[in-house]
C-alpha atoms as a PDB file:
ATOM      1  CA  UNK A   1     -17.665   1.987  10.388  1.00  0.00           C
ATOM      2  CA  UNK A   2     -16.039   3.989  13.104  1.00  0.00           C
ATOM      3  CA  UNK A   3     -18.277   6.114  15.269  1.00  0.00           C
ATOM      4  CA  UNK A   4     -16.217   9.255  14.675  1.00  0.00           C
ATOM      5  CA  UNK A   5     -16.461   8.782  10.895  1.00  0.00           C
ATOM      6  CA  UNK A   6     -20.244   8.559  11.142  1.00  0.00           C
ATOM      7  CA  UNK A   7     -20.318  11.828  13.078  1.00  0.00           C
ATOM      8  CA  UNK A   8     -18.018  13.498  10.527  1.00  0.00           C
ATOM      9  CA  UNK A   9     -20.283  12.407   7.683  1.00  0.00           C
ATOM     10  CA  UNK A  10     -23.366  13.580   9.585  1.00  0.00           C
ATOM     11  CA  UNK A  11     -21.740  16.973  10.170  1.00  0.00           C
ATOM     12  CA  UNK A  12     -20.812  17.265   6.498  1.00  0.00           C
ATOM     13  CA  UNK A  13     -24.403  16.798   5.351  1.00  0.00           C
ATOM     14  CA  UNK A  14     -26.018  19.200   7.798  1.00  0.00           C
ATOM     15  CA  UNK A  15     -25.755  22.107   5.337  1.00  0.00           C
ATOM     16  CA  UNK A  16     -25.175  20.146   2.129  1.00  0.00           C
ATOM     17  CA  UNK A  17     -26.915  21.124  -1.104  1.00  0.00           C
ATOM     18  CA  UNK A  18     -28.518  17.843  -2.165  1.00  0.00           C
ATOM     19  CA  UNK A  19     -29.675  19.385  -5.430  1.00  0.00           C
ATOM     20  CA  UNK A  20     -26.014  19.526  -6.554  1.00  0.00           C
ATOM     21  CA  UNK A  21     -24.983  16.203  -8.143  1.00  0.00           C
ATOM     22  CA  UNK A  22     -21.298  16.788  -7.324  1.00  0.00           C
ATOM     23  CA  UNK A  23     -22.088  17.192  -3.622  1.00  0.00           C
ATOM     24  CA  UNK A  24     -24.162  14.014  -3.665  1.00  0.00           C
ATOM     25  CA  UNK A  25     -21.451  12.063  -5.545  1.00  0.00           C
ATOM     26  CA  UNK A  26     -18.846  13.132  -2.996  1.00  0.00           C
ATOM     27  CA  UNK A  27     -21.098  12.022  -0.147  1.00  0.00           C
ATOM     28  CA  UNK A  28     -21.790   8.660  -1.804  1.00  0.00           C
ATOM     29  CA  UNK A  29     -18.082   8.082  -2.334  1.00  0.00           C
ATOM     30  CA  UNK A  30     -17.308   8.993   1.275  1.00  0.00           C
ATOM     31  CA  UNK A  31     -20.020   6.745   2.700  1.00  0.00           C
ATOM     32  CA  UNK A  32     -19.028   3.859   0.440  1.00  0.00           C
ATOM     33  CA  UNK A  33     -15.370   4.227   1.341  1.00  0.00           C
ATOM     34  CA  UNK A  34     -16.075   4.533   5.061  1.00  0.00           C
ATOM     35  CA  UNK A  35     -18.352   1.486   4.975  1.00  0.00           C
ATOM     36  CA  UNK A  36     -15.927  -0.470   2.816  1.00  0.00           C
ATOM     37  CA  UNK A  37     -18.576  -0.950   0.140  1.00  0.00           C
ATOM     38  CA  UNK A  38     -17.638  -0.357  -3.490  1.00  0.00           C
ATOM     39  CA  UNK A  39     -20.191   1.759  -5.351  1.00  0.00           C
ATOM     40  CA  UNK A  40     -20.418   1.116  -9.079  1.00  0.00           C
ATOM     41  CA  UNK A  41     -20.902   3.987 -11.519  1.00  0.00           C
ATOM     42  CA  UNK A  42     -24.381   2.653 -12.314  1.00  0.00           C
ATOM     43  CA  UNK A  43     -25.364   2.530  -8.640  1.00  0.00           C
ATOM     44  CA  UNK A  44     -23.857   5.972  -8.017  1.00  0.00           C
ATOM     45  CA  UNK A  45     -25.791   7.468 -10.932  1.00  0.00           C
ATOM     46  CA  UNK A  46     -29.076   5.964  -9.727  1.00  0.00           C
ATOM     47  CA  UNK A  47     -28.519   7.207  -6.170  1.00  0.00           C
ATOM     48  CA  UNK A  48     -27.553  10.691  -7.384  1.00  0.00           C
ATOM     49  CA  UNK A  49     -30.653  10.847  -9.594  1.00  0.00           C
ATOM     50  CA  UNK A  50     -32.925   9.729  -6.750  1.00  0.00           C
ATOM     51  CA  UNK A  51     -31.482  12.188  -4.247  1.00  0.00           C
ATOM     52  CA  UNK A  52     -31.201  15.216  -6.540  1.00  0.00           C
ATOM     53  CA  UNK A  53     -34.782  14.707  -7.691  1.00  0.00           C
ATOM     54  CA  UNK A  54     -35.984  14.732  -4.075  1.00  0.00           C
ATOM     55  CA  UNK A  55     -36.567  10.984  -3.699  1.00  0.00           C
ATOM     56  CA  UNK A  56     -34.453  10.675  -0.564  1.00  0.00           C
ATOM     57  CA  UNK A  57     -35.268   7.586   1.515  1.00  0.00           C
ATOM     58  CA  UNK A  58     -37.262   8.363   4.631  1.00  0.00           C
ATOM     59  CA  UNK A  59     -35.022   6.424   7.004  1.00  0.00           C
ATOM     60  CA  UNK A  60     -31.496   5.134   7.407  1.00  0.00           C
ATOM     61  CA  UNK A  61     -32.592   1.519   6.962  1.00  0.00           C
ATOM     62  CA  UNK A  62     -33.817   2.199   3.428  1.00  0.00           C
ATOM     63  CA  UNK A  63     -30.682   4.150   2.570  1.00  0.00           C
ATOM     64  CA  UNK A  64     -28.405   1.484   3.991  1.00  0.00           C
ATOM     65  CA  UNK A  65     -30.007  -1.148   1.733  1.00  0.00           C
ATOM     66  CA  UNK A  66     -28.686   0.743  -1.268  1.00  0.00           C
ATOM     67  CA  UNK A  67     -25.142   0.313   0.020  1.00  0.00           C
ATOM     68  CA  UNK A  68     -25.617  -3.281   1.181  1.00  0.00           C
ATOM     69  CA  UNK A  69     -23.037  -5.594  -0.452  1.00  0.00           C
ATOM     70  CA  UNK A  70     -25.418  -8.511   0.097  1.00  0.00           C
ATOM     71  CA  UNK A  71     -27.773  -7.564  -2.752  1.00  0.00           C
ATOM     72  CA  UNK A  72     -27.614 -10.361  -5.288  1.00  0.00           C
ATOM     73  CA  UNK A  73     -28.772  -8.452  -8.326  1.00  0.00           C
ATOM     74  CA  UNK A  74     -27.377  -5.060  -7.488  1.00  0.00           C
ATOM     75  CA  UNK A  75     -29.163  -1.778  -7.874  1.00  0.00           C
ATOM     76  CA  UNK A  76     -32.553  -3.101  -8.889  1.00  0.00           C
ATOM     77  CA  UNK A  77     -33.053  -4.976  -5.617  1.00  0.00           C
ATOM     78  CA  UNK A  78     -31.619  -2.131  -3.586  1.00  0.00           C
ATOM     79  CA  UNK A  79     -33.846   0.403  -5.341  1.00  0.00           C
ATOM     80  CA  UNK A  80     -36.907  -1.774  -4.863  1.00  0.00           C
ATOM     81  CA  UNK A  81     -36.121  -2.353  -1.196  1.00  0.00           C
ATOM     82  CA  UNK A  82     -35.527   1.345  -0.633  1.00  0.00           C
ATOM     83  CA  UNK A  83     -38.766   2.299  -2.345  1.00  0.00           C
ATOM     84  CA  UNK A  84     -37.097   3.875  -5.391  1.00  0.00           C
ATOM     85  CA  UNK A  85     -38.605   1.573  -7.991  1.00  0.00           C
END
């Protein structure tokens, strides 16, 4: 990820309404695209549900595990590692 893209994303979330699923979906798509990580519909739905219900990970490390392409069994491992499950 390019440093300037990270700053643009950070700026875009400073006043974002995380209770709005469309806002969260757009952010997920942007982060996934910037990181070069495809986000399946199933993973997107789970992330949107977690965030819009107030279950936002407490740190970047937990959030980054959700987007990690190295997870062997997909969302379940990512959700467990991030404390969602």
